[in-house]
Amino acid sequence: MRHRGYLPAKERQVRSCLARLFHQKPLLIGSLVSMPRVSGKPGCECVQGELHPGLYPSLRVRENAR
């Protein structure tokens, strides 16, 4: 891997700014989780077992120890 000194000045500046933000501020880390669900409406297909797709955010907060 090449040294970062070979990167253009603008890219080095952006990477440096991102590194500062990452290490100084709390960070939300998450992903989407698929959890099928039942609507509960009478006569709906989900009552017979055909569940509705549901995507929900799964988050955790990273706090810096500093």
N, C-alpha and C. Protein backbone atom coordinates (compact mmCIF):
# COMPACT_ATOMS: atom_id res chain seq x y z
N MET A 1 0.84 -1.18 0.00
CA MET A 1 0.00 0.00 0.00
C MET A 1 0.89 1.24 0.00
N ARG A 2 0.50 2.21 -0.80
CA ARG A 2 1.29 3.42 -0.90
C ARG A 2 1.04 4.34 0.28
N HIS A 3 2.04 5.16 0.59
CA HIS A 3 1.95 6.12 1.68
C HIS A 3 0.94 7.21 1.31
N ARG A 4 0.24 7.75 2.29
CA ARG A 4 -0.77 8.78 2.04
C ARG A 4 -0.18 10.06 1.45
N GLY A 5 1.11 10.25 1.57
CA GLY A 5 1.76 11.43 1.01
C GLY A 5 1.63 11.49 -0.51
N TYR A 6 1.37 10.35 -1.13
CA TYR A 6 1.21 10.31 -2.58
C TYR A 6 -0.20 10.73 -3.02
N LEU A 7 -1.11 10.87 -2.09
CA LEU A 7 -2.48 11.28 -2.43
C LEU A 7 -2.52 12.77 -2.75
N PRO A 8 -3.46 13.20 -3.56
CA PRO A 8 -3.61 14.64 -3.82
C PRO A 8 -3.92 15.38 -2.52
N ALA A 9 -3.52 16.63 -2.45
CA ALA A 9 -3.68 17.42 -1.23
C ALA A 9 -5.14 17.47 -0.78
N LYS A 10 -6.07 17.64 -1.72
CA LYS A 10 -7.50 17.72 -1.36
C LYS A 10 -7.96 16.42 -0.71
N GLU A 11 -7.55 15.28 -1.24
CA GLU A 11 -7.95 13.99 -0.66
C GLU A 11 -7.35 13.79 0.72
N ARG A 12 -6.10 14.20 0.91
CA ARG A 12 -5.49 14.11 2.24
C ARG A 12 -6.25 14.97 3.24
N GLN A 13 -6.67 16.17 2.80
CA GLN A 13 -7.42 17.08 3.67
C GLN A 13 -8.76 16.48 4.07
N VAL A 14 -9.46 15.88 3.13
CA VAL A 14 -10.76 15.27 3.41
C VAL A 14 -10.59 14.09 4.36
N ARG A 15 -9.60 13.25 4.10
CA ARG A 15 -9.36 12.09 4.98
C ARG A 15 -9.02 12.53 6.40
N SER A 16 -8.24 13.59 6.52
CA SER A 16 -7.86 14.11 7.82
C SER A 16 -9.08 14.63 8.57
N CYS A 17 -9.95 15.35 7.86
CA CYS A 17 -11.17 15.88 8.48
C CYS A 17 -12.08 14.74 8.94
N LEU A 18 -12.23 13.71 8.12
CA LEU A 18 -13.05 12.56 8.50
C LEU A 18 -12.47 11.84 9.72
N ALA A 19 -11.16 11.70 9.76
CA ALA A 19 -10.52 11.04 10.91
C ALA A 19 -10.77 11.83 12.19
N ARG A 20 -10.68 13.17 12.11
CA ARG A 20 -10.95 13.99 13.30
C ARG A 20 -12.40 13.82 13.76
N LEU A 21 -13.34 13.86 12.83
CA LEU A 21 -14.75 13.68 13.19
C LEU A 21 -15.00 12.32 13.82
N PHE A 22 -14.40 11.29 13.25
CA PHE A 22 -14.60 9.93 13.74
C PHE A 22 -14.10 9.77 15.17
N HIS A 23 -12.99 10.42 15.49
CA HIS A 23 -12.40 10.23 16.81
C HIS A 23 -12.89 11.22 17.87
N GLN A 24 -13.58 12.29 17.47
CA GLN A 24 -13.99 13.29 18.44
C GLN A 24 -15.47 13.25 18.80
N LYS A 25 -16.32 12.84 17.91
CA LYS A 25 -17.76 12.90 18.12
C LYS A 25 -18.34 11.51 18.37
N PRO A 26 -19.46 11.44 19.11
CA PRO A 26 -20.15 10.15 19.21
C PRO A 26 -20.57 9.70 17.81
N LEU A 27 -20.58 8.42 17.60
CA LEU A 27 -20.85 7.88 16.27
C LEU A 27 -21.98 6.87 16.34
N LEU A 28 -22.95 7.00 15.44
CA LEU A 28 -24.01 6.01 15.32
C LEU A 28 -23.55 4.92 14.38
N ILE A 29 -23.64 3.69 14.83
CA ILE A 29 -23.28 2.55 14.00
C ILE A 29 -24.55 1.71 13.87
N GLY A 30 -24.89 1.35 12.65
CA GLY A 30 -26.12 0.59 12.49
C GLY A 30 -26.25 -0.09 11.16
N SER A 31 -27.34 -0.80 11.03
CA SER A 31 -27.65 -1.49 9.79
C SER A 31 -29.15 -1.72 9.76
N LEU A 32 -29.63 -2.19 8.62
CA LEU A 32 -31.05 -2.54 8.51
C LEU A 32 -31.23 -4.02 8.86
N VAL A 33 -32.26 -4.29 9.63
CA VAL A 33 -32.57 -5.66 10.04
C VAL A 33 -33.94 -6.01 9.46
N SER A 34 -34.02 -7.16 8.82
CA SER A 34 -35.29 -7.63 8.26
C SER A 34 -36.03 -8.43 9.33
N MET A 35 -37.22 -7.96 9.67
CA MET A 35 -38.05 -8.65 10.67
C MET A 35 -39.47 -8.74 10.12
N PRO A 36 -39.86 -9.91 9.60
CA PRO A 36 -41.23 -10.06 9.10
C PRO A 36 -42.24 -9.82 10.22
N ARG A 37 -43.40 -9.27 9.84
CA ARG A 37 -44.38 -8.92 10.88
C ARG A 37 -45.80 -9.28 10.43
N VAL A 38 -46.68 -9.28 11.38
CA VAL A 38 -48.11 -9.54 11.16
C VAL A 38 -48.85 -8.22 11.34
N SER A 39 -49.75 -7.92 10.40
CA SER A 39 -50.51 -6.66 10.51
C SER A 39 -51.68 -6.81 11.47
N GLY A 40 -52.24 -8.01 11.56
CA GLY A 40 -53.35 -8.24 12.47
C GLY A 40 -54.73 -7.95 11.87
N LYS A 41 -54.76 -7.56 10.60
CA LYS A 41 -56.05 -7.28 9.95
C LYS A 41 -56.75 -8.59 9.63
N PRO A 42 -58.05 -8.71 9.93
CA PRO A 42 -58.76 -9.94 9.60
C PRO A 42 -58.77 -10.16 8.08
N GLY A 43 -58.54 -11.38 7.66
CA GLY A 43 -58.55 -11.73 6.25
C GLY A 43 -57.26 -11.42 5.53
N CYS A 44 -56.26 -10.86 6.19
CA CYS A 44 -54.98 -10.54 5.56
C CYS A 44 -54.17 -11.83 5.39
N GLU A 45 -53.34 -11.87 4.36
CA GLU A 45 -52.52 -13.06 4.10
C GLU A 45 -51.56 -13.37 5.25
N CYS A 46 -51.22 -12.35 6.03
CA CYS A 46 -50.27 -12.58 7.12
C CYS A 46 -50.87 -13.46 8.21
N VAL A 47 -52.19 -13.50 8.30
CA VAL A 47 -52.84 -14.36 9.30
C VAL A 47 -52.59 -15.84 8.98
N GLN A 48 -52.49 -16.17 7.68
CA GLN A 48 -52.23 -17.55 7.27
C GLN A 48 -50.72 -17.86 7.24
N GLY A 49 -49.88 -16.93 7.63
CA GLY A 49 -48.45 -17.20 7.70
C GLY A 49 -47.60 -16.46 6.68
N GLU A 50 -48.20 -15.76 5.72
CA GLU A 50 -47.45 -14.97 4.75
C GLU A 50 -47.19 -13.59 5.36
N LEU A 51 -46.08 -13.47 6.07
CA LEU A 51 -45.79 -12.26 6.83
C LEU A 51 -45.37 -11.10 5.92
N HIS A 52 -45.63 -9.89 6.40
CA HIS A 52 -45.23 -8.68 5.68
C HIS A 52 -43.75 -8.43 5.92
N PRO A 53 -43.03 -7.98 4.87
CA PRO A 53 -41.62 -7.65 5.10
C PRO A 53 -41.52 -6.38 5.93
N GLY A 54 -40.59 -6.36 6.81
CA GLY A 54 -40.36 -5.16 7.62
C GLY A 54 -38.87 -4.91 7.76
N LEU A 55 -38.41 -3.70 7.45
CA LEU A 55 -37.02 -3.32 7.65
C LEU A 55 -36.95 -2.30 8.77
N TYR A 56 -36.11 -2.56 9.74
CA TYR A 56 -35.98 -1.69 10.89
C TYR A 56 -34.51 -1.36 11.10
N PRO A 57 -34.21 -0.12 11.53
CA PRO A 57 -32.81 0.22 11.81
C PRO A 57 -32.37 -0.39 13.13
N SER A 58 -31.21 -0.96 13.13
CA SER A 58 -30.58 -1.47 14.34
C SER A 58 -29.39 -0.56 14.60
N LEU A 59 -29.41 0.15 15.70
CA LEU A 59 -28.39 1.16 15.98
C LEU A 59 -27.68 0.91 17.30
N ARG A 60 -26.45 1.37 17.35
CA ARG A 60 -25.75 1.44 18.62
C ARG A 60 -24.93 2.71 18.59
N VAL A 61 -24.69 3.28 19.74
CA VAL A 61 -23.95 4.53 19.82
C VAL A 61 -22.56 4.23 20.34
N ARG A 62 -21.57 4.73 19.62
CA ARG A 62 -20.18 4.57 20.03
C ARG A 62 -19.78 5.85 20.72
N GLU A 63 -19.48 5.78 22.00
CA GLU A 63 -19.02 6.93 22.76
C GLU A 63 -17.51 6.83 22.88
N ASN A 64 -16.84 7.95 22.70
CA ASN A 64 -15.39 7.96 22.85
C ASN A 64 -15.03 7.89 24.32
N ALA A 65 -13.94 7.19 24.62
CA ALA A 65 -13.50 7.04 26.01
C ALA A 65 -12.73 8.26 26.49
N ARG A 66 -12.45 9.22 25.60
CA ARG A 66 -11.66 10.39 25.98
C ARG A 66 -12.44 11.32 26.85
